[in-house]
Amino acid sequence: MATGAYPEPVERLIECLERMPGIGRRTATRLAFHLLKAPPEETAALASAIGDVSSRIGCCECCWQLTDVQPCRICADQRRDASCVLVVEQPRDLMSMEATGLHRGLYHVLTGRLDPLGGVGPEDLTIASLLDRVDEPERNAGGGRIEEVILGLSPTLEGDTTAHYISEALATRSVRVTRLARGLPSGTSLEFATPAMLADALLGRDGR
């Protein structure tokens, strides 16, 4: 028996949608009714896409980007410069950088950033994997030695803390460490920067 105002299947769909980030009860209800009115092929396509994401998508064994093949297509591209690795926080940041068309090296996705107050420490990120790629070239895509690490982190307190931690960890290693130029607005997330802003930051990066 339904426990809410709607039939049980509808109530269950609303509750599932409501669990998604940024979606409250009202928006979840509106989305549920949109799906109720949609053609069967549209809802079937959505269900199939959700199933594929759950069963086929994982992280690249090298750079931690979302992928459906191993290694990901960027790491497998022999035209990329394996000696230069751009470190970003999330897969969406990687895609923002790719949109500029300027970075022809590889990437490393941290899957987050340090946040001591939120309980996120170095062990919760893929920093150890990045250091392994620097220390052991065979762990890098194509077996190439990394000569430059670009810290492409958001210009926020947490992003700066993460960048400082990685810089310190790389200080004793024979690798050049650079950061994106501070043309990016402080306190904002990298995902909201335009391709032009990211291009300027990438071209004007400074060394540490």
N, C-alpha and C. Protein backbone atom coordinates (compact mmCIF):
# COMPACT_ATOMS: atom_id res chain seq x y z
N MET A 1 0.85 -1.20 0.00
CA MET A 1 0.00 0.00 0.00
C MET A 1 0.88 1.24 0.00
N ALA A 2 0.48 2.26 -0.73
CA ALA A 2 1.25 3.50 -0.79
C ALA A 2 1.22 4.20 0.56
N THR A 3 2.37 4.73 0.96
CA THR A 3 2.47 5.45 2.23
C THR A 3 2.33 6.95 2.04
N GLY A 4 2.37 7.44 0.80
CA GLY A 4 2.27 8.87 0.54
C GLY A 4 0.99 9.19 -0.19
N ALA A 5 0.96 10.37 -0.79
CA ALA A 5 -0.24 10.81 -1.49
C ALA A 5 -0.39 10.16 -2.85
N TYR A 6 0.66 9.54 -3.37
CA TYR A 6 0.64 8.96 -4.72
C TYR A 6 0.72 7.44 -4.63
N PRO A 7 0.36 6.75 -5.73
CA PRO A 7 0.52 5.30 -5.76
C PRO A 7 1.96 4.90 -5.43
N GLU A 8 2.13 3.71 -4.89
CA GLU A 8 3.44 3.28 -4.39
C GLU A 8 4.57 3.41 -5.41
N PRO A 9 4.39 2.98 -6.68
CA PRO A 9 5.49 3.13 -7.65
C PRO A 9 5.89 4.60 -7.88
N VAL A 10 4.88 5.49 -7.91
CA VAL A 10 5.17 6.91 -8.11
C VAL A 10 5.89 7.47 -6.88
N GLU A 11 5.43 7.11 -5.71
CA GLU A 11 6.06 7.58 -4.47
C GLU A 11 7.51 7.09 -4.38
N ARG A 12 7.75 5.86 -4.80
CA ARG A 12 9.10 5.30 -4.76
C ARG A 12 10.01 6.03 -5.74
N LEU A 13 9.48 6.37 -6.93
CA LEU A 13 10.27 7.12 -7.91
C LEU A 13 10.62 8.50 -7.38
N ILE A 14 9.65 9.17 -6.76
CA ILE A 14 9.90 10.50 -6.18
C ILE A 14 10.98 10.42 -5.11
N GLU A 15 10.91 9.40 -4.27
CA GLU A 15 11.90 9.26 -3.20
C GLU A 15 13.30 9.01 -3.78
N CYS A 16 13.37 8.23 -4.85
CA CYS A 16 14.67 7.97 -5.49
C CYS A 16 15.24 9.25 -6.09
N LEU A 17 14.40 10.01 -6.78
CA LEU A 17 14.85 11.26 -7.39
C LEU A 17 15.25 12.27 -6.32
N GLU A 18 14.57 12.24 -5.20
CA GLU A 18 14.82 13.20 -4.12
C GLU A 18 16.19 12.98 -3.48
N ARG A 19 16.75 11.79 -3.62
CA ARG A 19 18.06 11.49 -3.05
C ARG A 19 19.20 12.10 -3.87
N MET A 20 18.90 12.55 -5.07
CA MET A 20 19.94 13.12 -5.93
C MET A 20 20.32 14.52 -5.44
N PRO A 21 21.61 14.91 -5.61
CA PRO A 21 22.08 16.22 -5.12
C PRO A 21 21.30 17.38 -5.73
N GLY A 22 20.88 18.30 -4.91
CA GLY A 22 20.23 19.51 -5.39
C GLY A 22 18.78 19.35 -5.76
N ILE A 23 18.20 18.17 -5.53
CA ILE A 23 16.81 17.94 -5.90
C ILE A 23 15.97 17.75 -4.64
N GLY A 24 15.01 18.65 -4.43
CA GLY A 24 14.10 18.55 -3.29
C GLY A 24 12.83 17.82 -3.69
N ARG A 25 11.92 17.77 -2.75
CA ARG A 25 10.66 17.05 -2.96
C ARG A 25 9.87 17.61 -4.14
N ARG A 26 9.80 18.92 -4.24
CA ARG A 26 9.00 19.53 -5.31
C ARG A 26 9.58 19.22 -6.69
N THR A 27 10.89 19.38 -6.82
CA THR A 27 11.53 19.09 -8.11
C THR A 27 11.44 17.61 -8.44
N ALA A 28 11.62 16.74 -7.44
CA ALA A 28 11.52 15.31 -7.66
C ALA A 28 10.12 14.93 -8.14
N THR A 29 9.12 15.56 -7.58
CA THR A 29 7.74 15.28 -8.00
C THR A 29 7.51 15.73 -9.43
N ARG A 30 8.04 16.91 -9.78
CA ARG A 30 7.89 17.41 -11.15
C ARG A 30 8.58 16.47 -12.14
N LEU A 31 9.76 15.99 -11.80
CA LEU A 31 10.47 15.07 -12.68
C LEU A 31 9.72 13.75 -12.81
N ALA A 32 9.16 13.28 -11.72
CA ALA A 32 8.41 12.03 -11.76
C ALA A 32 7.21 12.13 -12.69
N PHE A 33 6.50 13.24 -12.63
CA PHE A 33 5.33 13.41 -13.49
C PHE A 33 5.73 13.62 -14.95
N HIS A 34 6.90 14.21 -15.17
CA HIS A 34 7.40 14.30 -16.54
C HIS A 34 7.64 12.91 -17.10
N LEU A 35 8.23 12.02 -16.28
CA LEU A 35 8.49 10.66 -16.74
C LEU A 35 7.19 9.89 -16.95
N LEU A 36 6.19 10.18 -16.13
CA LEU A 36 4.90 9.51 -16.30
C LEU A 36 4.24 9.86 -17.63
N LYS A 37 4.45 11.08 -18.08
CA LYS A 37 3.83 11.54 -19.33
C LYS A 37 4.71 11.25 -20.56
N ALA A 38 5.96 10.88 -20.32
CA ALA A 38 6.89 10.66 -21.44
C ALA A 38 6.55 9.38 -22.19
N PRO A 39 6.90 9.32 -23.48
CA PRO A 39 6.69 8.09 -24.25
C PRO A 39 7.49 6.94 -23.64
N PRO A 40 7.00 5.71 -23.78
CA PRO A 40 7.69 4.56 -23.20
C PRO A 40 9.15 4.43 -23.64
N GLU A 41 9.43 4.79 -24.91
CA GLU A 41 10.80 4.67 -25.40
C GLU A 41 11.75 5.65 -24.71
N GLU A 42 11.21 6.81 -24.29
CA GLU A 42 12.05 7.78 -23.57
C GLU A 42 12.41 7.27 -22.18
N THR A 43 11.43 6.73 -21.46
CA THR A 43 11.72 6.21 -20.13
C THR A 43 12.60 4.96 -20.21
N ALA A 44 12.41 4.16 -21.26
CA ALA A 44 13.24 2.97 -21.44
C ALA A 44 14.69 3.36 -21.71
N ALA A 45 14.88 4.43 -22.51
CA ALA A 45 16.23 4.90 -22.82
C ALA A 45 16.91 5.42 -21.56
N LEU A 46 16.15 6.13 -20.70
CA LEU A 46 16.70 6.63 -19.45
C LEU A 46 17.10 5.48 -18.54
N ALA A 47 16.23 4.49 -18.41
CA ALA A 47 16.54 3.34 -17.56
C ALA A 47 17.76 2.59 -18.07
N SER A 48 17.88 2.47 -19.40
CA SER A 48 19.04 1.79 -19.98
C SER A 48 20.32 2.57 -19.72
N ALA A 49 20.26 3.90 -19.85
CA ALA A 49 21.44 4.73 -19.61
C ALA A 49 21.90 4.62 -18.16
N ILE A 50 20.95 4.64 -17.23
CA ILE A 50 21.30 4.50 -15.81
C ILE A 50 21.93 3.14 -15.54
N GLY A 51 21.37 2.10 -16.16
CA GLY A 51 21.93 0.75 -15.99
C GLY A 51 23.34 0.65 -16.55
N ASP A 52 23.58 1.26 -17.71
CA ASP A 52 24.91 1.22 -18.33
C ASP A 52 25.94 1.95 -17.46
N VAL A 53 25.55 3.10 -16.90
CA VAL A 53 26.46 3.85 -16.05
C VAL A 53 26.86 3.02 -14.83
N SER A 54 25.89 2.30 -14.29
CA SER A 54 26.15 1.50 -13.09
C SER A 54 27.02 0.29 -13.39
N SER A 55 26.82 -0.34 -14.55
CA SER A 55 27.49 -1.60 -14.83
C SER A 55 28.75 -1.47 -15.68
N ARG A 56 28.85 -0.40 -16.48
CA ARG A 56 29.96 -0.32 -17.45
C ARG A 56 30.99 0.76 -17.14
N ILE A 57 30.66 1.73 -16.30
CA ILE A 57 31.58 2.85 -16.07
C ILE A 57 32.38 2.62 -14.79
N GLY A 58 33.69 2.82 -14.91
CA GLY A 58 34.60 2.74 -13.77
C GLY A 58 35.65 3.82 -13.89
N CYS A 59 36.71 3.69 -13.12
CA CYS A 59 37.81 4.66 -13.17
C CYS A 59 38.99 4.08 -13.94
N CYS A 60 39.66 4.92 -14.70
CA CYS A 60 40.86 4.51 -15.42
C CYS A 60 41.90 4.04 -14.42
N GLU A 61 42.53 2.93 -14.70
CA GLU A 61 43.52 2.35 -13.80
C GLU A 61 44.78 3.20 -13.70
N CYS A 62 44.93 4.15 -14.61
CA CYS A 62 46.11 5.02 -14.61
C CYS A 62 45.79 6.41 -14.06
N CYS A 63 44.80 7.09 -14.65
CA CYS A 63 44.56 8.50 -14.31
C CYS A 63 43.31 8.73 -13.46
N TRP A 64 42.46 7.71 -13.27
CA TRP A 64 41.26 7.79 -12.46
C TRP A 64 40.13 8.59 -13.10
N GLN A 65 40.22 8.84 -14.39
CA GLN A 65 39.11 9.44 -15.12
C GLN A 65 38.02 8.38 -15.31
N LEU A 66 36.76 8.82 -15.40
CA LEU A 66 35.68 7.90 -15.69
C LEU A 66 35.85 7.32 -17.08
N THR A 67 35.65 6.02 -17.22
CA THR A 67 35.89 5.39 -18.52
C THR A 67 35.12 4.08 -18.62
N ASP A 68 34.92 3.64 -19.86
CA ASP A 68 34.31 2.33 -20.10
C ASP A 68 35.31 1.36 -20.71
N VAL A 69 36.57 1.81 -20.86
CA VAL A 69 37.65 0.95 -21.36
C VAL A 69 38.89 1.18 -20.49
N GLN A 70 39.81 0.22 -20.51
CA GLN A 70 41.05 0.33 -19.75
C GLN A 70 42.26 0.20 -20.66
N PRO A 71 43.21 1.15 -20.61
CA PRO A 71 43.08 2.43 -19.93
C PRO A 71 42.09 3.33 -20.68
N CYS A 72 41.83 4.53 -20.14
CA CYS A 72 40.89 5.43 -20.80
C CYS A 72 41.45 5.88 -22.14
N ARG A 73 40.62 6.49 -22.96
CA ARG A 73 41.03 6.85 -24.31
C ARG A 73 42.14 7.91 -24.33
N ILE A 74 42.17 8.78 -23.33
CA ILE A 74 43.23 9.79 -23.28
C ILE A 74 44.57 9.13 -22.96
N CYS A 75 44.57 8.26 -21.95
CA CYS A 75 45.82 7.57 -21.58
C CYS A 75 46.31 6.66 -22.71
N ALA A 76 45.38 6.11 -23.49
CA ALA A 76 45.75 5.19 -24.57
C ALA A 76 46.20 5.92 -25.83
N ASP A 77 46.00 7.23 -25.88
CA ASP A 77 46.34 8.01 -27.08
C ASP A 77 47.85 8.27 -27.11
N GLN A 78 48.54 7.61 -28.01
CA GLN A 78 50.00 7.73 -28.09
C GLN A 78 50.45 9.10 -28.59
N ARG A 79 49.53 9.93 -29.05
CA ARG A 79 49.90 11.28 -29.48
C ARG A 79 50.01 12.24 -28.30
N ARG A 80 49.55 11.83 -27.11
CA ARG A 80 49.63 12.70 -25.95
C ARG A 80 51.04 12.69 -25.38
N ASP A 81 51.41 13.83 -24.75
CA ASP A 81 52.73 13.96 -24.13
C ASP A 81 52.67 13.36 -22.73
N ALA A 82 53.22 12.16 -22.58
CA ALA A 82 53.16 11.45 -21.31
C ALA A 82 54.07 12.06 -20.25
N SER A 83 54.93 13.00 -20.63
CA SER A 83 55.85 13.60 -19.66
C SER A 83 55.21 14.73 -18.87
N CYS A 84 54.00 15.15 -19.27
CA CYS A 84 53.32 16.28 -18.62
C CYS A 84 51.95 15.82 -18.13
N VAL A 85 51.72 15.92 -16.83
CA VAL A 85 50.46 15.46 -16.23
C VAL A 85 49.77 16.63 -15.54
N LEU A 86 48.54 16.87 -15.91
CA LEU A 86 47.71 17.92 -15.32
C LEU A 86 46.82 17.30 -14.25
N VAL A 87 46.97 17.74 -13.00
CA VAL A 87 46.20 17.20 -11.88
C VAL A 87 44.94 18.02 -11.68
N VAL A 88 43.80 17.36 -11.65
CA VAL A 88 42.51 18.03 -11.43
C VAL A 88 41.77 17.32 -10.30
N GLU A 89 40.72 17.98 -9.80
CA GLU A 89 39.98 17.42 -8.68
C GLU A 89 38.97 16.35 -9.10
N GLN A 90 38.21 16.64 -10.16
CA GLN A 90 37.10 15.77 -10.55
C GLN A 90 37.11 15.52 -12.05
N PRO A 91 36.44 14.44 -12.50
CA PRO A 91 36.35 14.19 -13.95
C PRO A 91 35.78 15.36 -14.73
N ARG A 92 34.82 16.09 -14.16
CA ARG A 92 34.25 17.24 -14.89
C ARG A 92 35.30 18.33 -15.13
N ASP A 93 36.29 18.46 -14.21
CA ASP A 93 37.36 19.42 -14.42
C ASP A 93 38.25 19.00 -15.59
N LEU A 94 38.47 17.71 -15.71
CA LEU A 94 39.24 17.20 -16.84
C LEU A 94 38.56 17.56 -18.15
N MET A 95 37.25 17.37 -18.21
CA MET A 95 36.53 17.68 -19.44
C MET A 95 36.55 19.17 -19.74
N SER A 96 36.53 20.00 -18.70
CA SER A 96 36.64 21.45 -18.91
C SER A 96 37.99 21.81 -19.52
N MET A 97 39.04 21.19 -19.03
CA MET A 97 40.37 21.43 -19.56
C MET A 97 40.49 20.94 -21.01
N GLU A 98 39.93 19.77 -21.28
CA GLU A 98 39.97 19.23 -22.64
C GLU A 98 39.27 20.15 -23.62
N ALA A 99 38.24 20.86 -23.15
CA ALA A 99 37.48 21.75 -24.02
C ALA A 99 38.34 22.91 -24.53
N THR A 100 39.42 23.25 -23.81
CA THR A 100 40.29 24.34 -24.28
C THR A 100 41.12 23.91 -25.48
N GLY A 101 41.38 22.62 -25.61
CA GLY A 101 42.19 22.11 -26.70
C GLY A 101 43.67 22.43 -26.58
N LEU A 102 44.10 22.92 -25.41
CA LEU A 102 45.49 23.37 -25.25
C LEU A 102 46.39 22.35 -24.56
N HIS A 103 45.83 21.54 -23.70
CA HIS A 103 46.66 20.58 -22.97
C HIS A 103 46.77 19.29 -23.76
N ARG A 104 47.96 18.96 -24.18
CA ARG A 104 48.18 17.75 -24.97
C ARG A 104 48.91 16.67 -24.17
N GLY A 105 49.01 16.88 -22.87
CA GLY A 105 49.60 15.87 -22.01
C GLY A 105 48.55 14.94 -21.45
N LEU A 106 48.86 14.32 -20.32
CA LEU A 106 47.94 13.41 -19.65
C LEU A 106 47.30 14.10 -18.44
N TYR A 107 46.48 13.37 -17.73
CA TYR A 107 45.78 13.92 -16.56
C TYR A 107 45.93 12.99 -15.37
N HIS A 108 45.59 13.53 -14.20
CA HIS A 108 45.41 12.70 -13.01
C HIS A 108 44.26 13.29 -12.21
N VAL A 109 43.23 12.49 -11.96
CA VAL A 109 42.04 12.94 -11.26
C VAL A 109 42.15 12.53 -9.79
N LEU A 110 42.10 13.51 -8.89
CA LEU A 110 42.23 13.23 -7.46
C LEU A 110 40.96 12.65 -6.86
N THR A 111 39.84 12.82 -7.53
CA THR A 111 38.51 12.42 -7.06
C THR A 111 38.08 13.22 -5.82
N GLY A 112 38.60 14.43 -5.68
CA GLY A 112 38.22 15.28 -4.56
C GLY A 112 39.35 16.23 -4.20
N ARG A 113 39.27 16.81 -3.01
CA ARG A 113 40.32 17.69 -2.51
C ARG A 113 40.38 17.60 -0.99
N LEU A 114 41.50 17.94 -0.44
CA LEU A 114 41.67 17.85 1.00
C LEU A 114 40.69 18.77 1.72
N ASP A 115 40.07 18.25 2.74
CA ASP A 115 39.12 19.02 3.54
C ASP A 115 39.15 18.45 4.96
N PRO A 116 40.13 18.89 5.78
CA PRO A 116 40.27 18.34 7.13
C PRO A 116 38.99 18.46 7.96
N LEU A 117 38.29 19.58 7.84
CA LEU A 117 37.07 19.76 8.61
C LEU A 117 35.97 18.79 8.16
N GLY A 118 36.00 18.43 6.89
CA GLY A 118 35.01 17.49 6.36
C GLY A 118 35.46 16.05 6.45
N GLY A 119 36.64 15.82 7.03
CA GLY A 119 37.13 14.46 7.20
C GLY A 119 37.77 13.85 5.97
N VAL A 120 38.16 14.69 5.00
CA VAL A 120 38.80 14.19 3.78
C VAL A 120 40.30 14.40 3.89
N GLY A 121 41.04 13.31 3.99
CA GLY A 121 42.49 13.36 4.11
C GLY A 121 43.18 12.84 2.86
N PRO A 122 44.51 12.86 2.83
CA PRO A 122 45.26 12.39 1.66
C PRO A 122 44.92 10.96 1.25
N GLU A 123 44.63 10.12 2.26
CA GLU A 123 44.33 8.72 1.97
C GLU A 123 42.98 8.54 1.28
N ASP A 124 42.16 9.58 1.29
CA ASP A 124 40.85 9.50 0.62
C ASP A 124 40.92 9.93 -0.84
N LEU A 125 42.07 10.46 -1.25
CA LEU A 125 42.26 10.90 -2.63
C LEU A 125 43.23 9.96 -3.33
N THR A 126 43.53 10.25 -4.59
CA THR A 126 44.43 9.38 -5.36
C THR A 126 45.84 9.96 -5.43
N ILE A 127 46.24 10.67 -4.36
CA ILE A 127 47.57 11.28 -4.33
C ILE A 127 48.66 10.22 -4.38
N ALA A 128 48.48 9.13 -3.65
CA ALA A 128 49.48 8.05 -3.64
C ALA A 128 49.68 7.48 -5.04
N SER A 129 48.59 7.37 -5.79
CA SER A 129 48.68 6.87 -7.17
C SER A 129 49.46 7.83 -8.05
N LEU A 130 49.27 9.15 -7.84
CA LEU A 130 50.02 10.15 -8.59
C LEU A 130 51.52 10.03 -8.30
N LEU A 131 51.87 9.89 -7.03
CA LEU A 131 53.28 9.76 -6.66
C LEU A 131 53.89 8.49 -7.25
N ASP A 132 53.10 7.43 -7.31
CA ASP A 132 53.58 6.19 -7.93
C ASP A 132 53.87 6.40 -9.40
N ARG A 133 53.04 7.18 -10.08
CA ARG A 133 53.27 7.45 -11.50
C ARG A 133 54.56 8.24 -11.71
N VAL A 134 54.85 9.14 -10.76
CA VAL A 134 56.09 9.93 -10.85
C VAL A 134 57.29 9.06 -10.55
N ASP A 135 57.19 8.23 -9.52
CA ASP A 135 58.33 7.41 -9.08
C ASP A 135 58.60 6.24 -10.00
N GLU A 136 57.54 5.69 -10.60
CA GLU A 136 57.69 4.49 -11.42
C GLU A 136 57.08 4.73 -12.80
N PRO A 137 57.90 5.13 -13.77
CA PRO A 137 57.40 5.45 -15.12
C PRO A 137 56.52 4.36 -15.72
N GLU A 138 56.78 3.11 -15.37
CA GLU A 138 55.97 2.03 -15.95
C GLU A 138 54.52 2.10 -15.51
N ARG A 139 54.23 2.85 -14.45
CA ARG A 139 52.84 3.02 -14.02
C ARG A 139 52.16 4.16 -14.75
N ASN A 140 52.93 4.97 -15.46
CA ASN A 140 52.36 6.06 -16.24
C ASN A 140 51.94 5.53 -17.60
N ALA A 141 50.98 6.19 -18.22
CA ALA A 141 50.50 5.76 -19.54
C ALA A 141 51.65 5.72 -20.53
N GLY A 142 51.78 4.63 -21.24
CA GLY A 142 52.85 4.49 -22.21
C GLY A 142 54.21 4.26 -21.60
N GLY A 143 54.30 4.16 -20.28
CA GLY A 143 55.58 3.94 -19.63
C GLY A 143 56.51 5.13 -19.68
N GLY A 144 55.96 6.34 -19.91
CA GLY A 144 56.80 7.53 -20.02
C GLY A 144 57.11 8.16 -18.67
N ARG A 145 58.30 8.72 -18.54
CA ARG A 145 58.68 9.41 -17.31
C ARG A 145 58.02 10.78 -17.24
N ILE A 146 57.47 11.12 -16.09
CA ILE A 146 56.81 12.40 -15.89
C ILE A 146 57.84 13.46 -15.54
N GLU A 147 57.86 14.55 -16.31
CA GLU A 147 58.81 15.63 -16.09
C GLU A 147 58.14 16.88 -15.52
N GLU A 148 56.84 17.05 -15.76
CA GLU A 148 56.12 18.21 -15.23
C GLU A 148 54.76 17.78 -14.70
N VAL A 149 54.43 18.28 -13.51
CA VAL A 149 53.11 18.09 -12.94
C VAL A 149 52.46 19.47 -12.82
N ILE A 150 51.34 19.66 -13.52
CA ILE A 150 50.60 20.92 -13.45
C ILE A 150 49.46 20.74 -12.44
N LEU A 151 49.42 21.59 -11.44
CA LEU A 151 48.37 21.53 -10.44
C LEU A 151 47.19 22.39 -10.89
N GLY A 152 46.19 21.75 -11.45
CA GLY A 152 45.02 22.45 -11.98
C GLY A 152 43.86 22.38 -11.01
N LEU A 153 44.07 22.85 -9.79
CA LEU A 153 43.06 22.76 -8.75
C LEU A 153 42.30 24.07 -8.62
N SER A 154 41.09 24.00 -8.13
CA SER A 154 40.26 25.19 -7.98
C SER A 154 40.91 26.17 -6.99
N PRO A 155 40.84 27.47 -7.27
CA PRO A 155 41.46 28.48 -6.40
C PRO A 155 40.62 28.76 -5.16
N THR A 156 40.41 27.72 -4.35
CA THR A 156 39.67 27.83 -3.10
C THR A 156 40.62 27.45 -1.97
N LEU A 157 40.17 27.62 -0.74
CA LEU A 157 41.01 27.25 0.41
C LEU A 157 41.38 25.78 0.36
N GLU A 158 40.39 24.93 0.08
CA GLU A 158 40.66 23.50 0.02
C GLU A 158 41.55 23.15 -1.16
N GLY A 159 41.32 23.83 -2.31
CA GLY A 159 42.16 23.59 -3.47
C GLY A 159 43.59 23.99 -3.23
N ASP A 160 43.79 25.14 -2.59
CA ASP A 160 45.15 25.60 -2.27
C ASP A 160 45.83 24.67 -1.27
N THR A 161 45.07 24.17 -0.30
CA THR A 161 45.62 23.23 0.67
C THR A 161 46.07 21.95 -0.01
N THR A 162 45.26 21.47 -0.93
CA THR A 162 45.60 20.26 -1.67
C THR A 162 46.83 20.48 -2.54
N ALA A 163 46.88 21.61 -3.21
CA ALA A 163 48.02 21.93 -4.07
C ALA A 163 49.31 22.01 -3.25
N HIS A 164 49.23 22.63 -2.07
CA HIS A 164 50.42 22.75 -1.20
C HIS A 164 50.88 21.37 -0.76
N TYR A 165 49.95 20.51 -0.40
CA TYR A 165 50.31 19.16 0.05
C TYR A 165 51.03 18.39 -1.07
N ILE A 166 50.48 18.46 -2.28
CA ILE A 166 51.09 17.74 -3.40
C ILE A 166 52.45 18.34 -3.74
N SER A 167 52.57 19.67 -3.70
CA SER A 167 53.85 20.32 -3.98
C SER A 167 54.92 19.86 -3.00
N GLU A 168 54.55 19.77 -1.72
CA GLU A 168 55.50 19.31 -0.71
C GLU A 168 55.91 17.86 -0.96
N ALA A 169 54.95 17.04 -1.37
CA ALA A 169 55.24 15.63 -1.62
C ALA A 169 56.15 15.45 -2.83
N LEU A 170 56.06 16.38 -3.79
CA LEU A 170 56.87 16.29 -5.01
C LEU A 170 58.19 17.04 -4.90
N ALA A 171 58.39 17.77 -3.80
CA ALA A 171 59.58 18.63 -3.65
C ALA A 171 60.88 17.84 -3.71
N THR A 172 60.88 16.61 -3.24
CA THR A 172 62.11 15.81 -3.22
C THR A 172 62.26 14.95 -4.47
N ARG A 173 61.36 15.12 -5.42
CA ARG A 173 61.41 14.32 -6.63
C ARG A 173 61.85 15.18 -7.81
N SER A 174 62.44 14.54 -8.79
CA SER A 174 62.97 15.26 -9.96
C SER A 174 61.86 15.53 -10.96
N VAL A 175 60.96 16.41 -10.58
CA VAL A 175 59.85 16.76 -11.45
C VAL A 175 59.53 18.24 -11.27
N ARG A 176 59.20 18.91 -12.35
CA ARG A 176 58.83 20.31 -12.28
C ARG A 176 57.37 20.42 -11.88
N VAL A 177 57.08 21.29 -10.92
CA VAL A 177 55.71 21.48 -10.45
C VAL A 177 55.27 22.90 -10.80
N THR A 178 54.16 23.02 -11.53
CA THR A 178 53.61 24.32 -11.88
C THR A 178 52.15 24.37 -11.46
N ARG A 179 51.62 25.61 -11.38
CA ARG A 179 50.21 25.80 -11.06
C ARG A 179 49.57 26.68 -12.12
N LEU A 180 48.27 26.55 -12.28
CA LEU A 180 47.56 27.42 -13.21
C LEU A 180 47.69 28.86 -12.74
N ALA A 181 47.78 29.77 -13.69
CA ALA A 181 47.90 31.18 -13.36
C ALA A 181 46.68 31.64 -12.59
N ARG A 182 46.85 32.66 -11.75
CA ARG A 182 45.77 33.11 -10.90
C ARG A 182 44.80 34.04 -11.61
N GLY A 183 44.70 33.90 -12.92
CA GLY A 183 43.68 34.62 -13.65
C GLY A 183 42.30 34.08 -13.33
N LEU A 184 42.26 32.89 -12.72
CA LEU A 184 40.98 32.32 -12.31
C LEU A 184 40.48 33.04 -11.07
N PRO A 185 39.20 33.35 -10.98
CA PRO A 185 38.66 34.05 -9.81
C PRO A 185 38.84 33.23 -8.54
N SER A 186 39.37 33.85 -7.50
CA SER A 186 39.57 33.16 -6.23
C SER A 186 38.22 32.80 -5.61
N GLY A 187 38.19 31.63 -4.97
CA GLY A 187 36.99 31.21 -4.27
C GLY A 187 35.93 30.57 -5.13
N THR A 188 36.23 30.35 -6.41
CA THR A 188 35.23 29.74 -7.29
C THR A 188 35.68 28.34 -7.69
N SER A 189 34.75 27.55 -8.20
CA SER A 189 35.06 26.20 -8.62
C SER A 189 35.53 26.20 -10.07
N LEU A 190 36.46 25.32 -10.37
CA LEU A 190 37.03 25.25 -11.71
C LEU A 190 35.97 24.93 -12.77
N GLU A 191 34.95 24.17 -12.38
CA GLU A 191 33.96 23.73 -13.36
C GLU A 191 33.14 24.88 -13.93
N PHE A 192 33.11 26.04 -13.23
CA PHE A 192 32.32 27.18 -13.70
C PHE A 192 33.15 28.15 -14.55
N ALA A 193 34.44 27.88 -14.72
CA ALA A 193 35.29 28.74 -15.54
C ALA A 193 35.02 28.48 -17.02
N THR A 194 35.09 29.52 -17.82
CA THR A 194 34.87 29.37 -19.26
C THR A 194 36.13 28.81 -19.91
N PRO A 195 36.02 28.21 -21.10
CA PRO A 195 37.21 27.71 -21.79
C PRO A 195 38.28 28.79 -21.98
N ALA A 196 37.86 30.04 -22.25
CA ALA A 196 38.82 31.13 -22.44
C ALA A 196 39.60 31.39 -21.15
N MET A 197 38.90 31.40 -20.01
CA MET A 197 39.56 31.61 -18.73
C MET A 197 40.54 30.48 -18.43
N LEU A 198 40.13 29.25 -18.72
CA LEU A 198 41.01 28.11 -18.48
C LEU A 198 42.22 28.14 -19.41
N ALA A 199 42.01 28.58 -20.64
CA ALA A 199 43.12 28.67 -21.59
C ALA A 199 44.16 29.68 -21.11
N ASP A 200 43.70 30.84 -20.65
CA ASP A 200 44.63 31.85 -20.13
C ASP A 200 45.39 31.32 -18.91
N ALA A 201 44.69 30.62 -18.04
CA ALA A 201 45.32 30.09 -16.84
C ALA A 201 46.34 29.02 -17.18
N LEU A 202 46.02 28.18 -18.18
CA LEU A 202 46.92 27.11 -18.56
C LEU A 202 48.18 27.66 -19.22
N LEU A 203 48.01 28.63 -20.08
CA LEU A 203 49.17 29.22 -20.77
C LEU A 203 50.03 30.06 -19.83
N GLY A 204 49.40 30.67 -18.81
CA GLY A 204 50.14 31.55 -17.91
C GLY A 204 50.50 30.91 -16.60
N ARG A 205 50.52 29.57 -16.54
CA ARG A 205 50.81 28.89 -15.29
C ARG A 205 52.21 29.26 -14.79
N ASP A 206 52.35 29.24 -13.46
CA ASP A 206 53.64 29.60 -12.86
C ASP A 206 54.21 28.41 -12.10
N GLY A 207 55.52 28.42 -11.94
CA GLY A 207 56.22 27.33 -11.27
C GLY A 207 56.26 27.54 -9.79
N ARG A 208 56.45 26.43 -9.06
CA ARG A 208 56.56 26.46 -7.60
C ARG A 208 57.81 25.71 -7.19
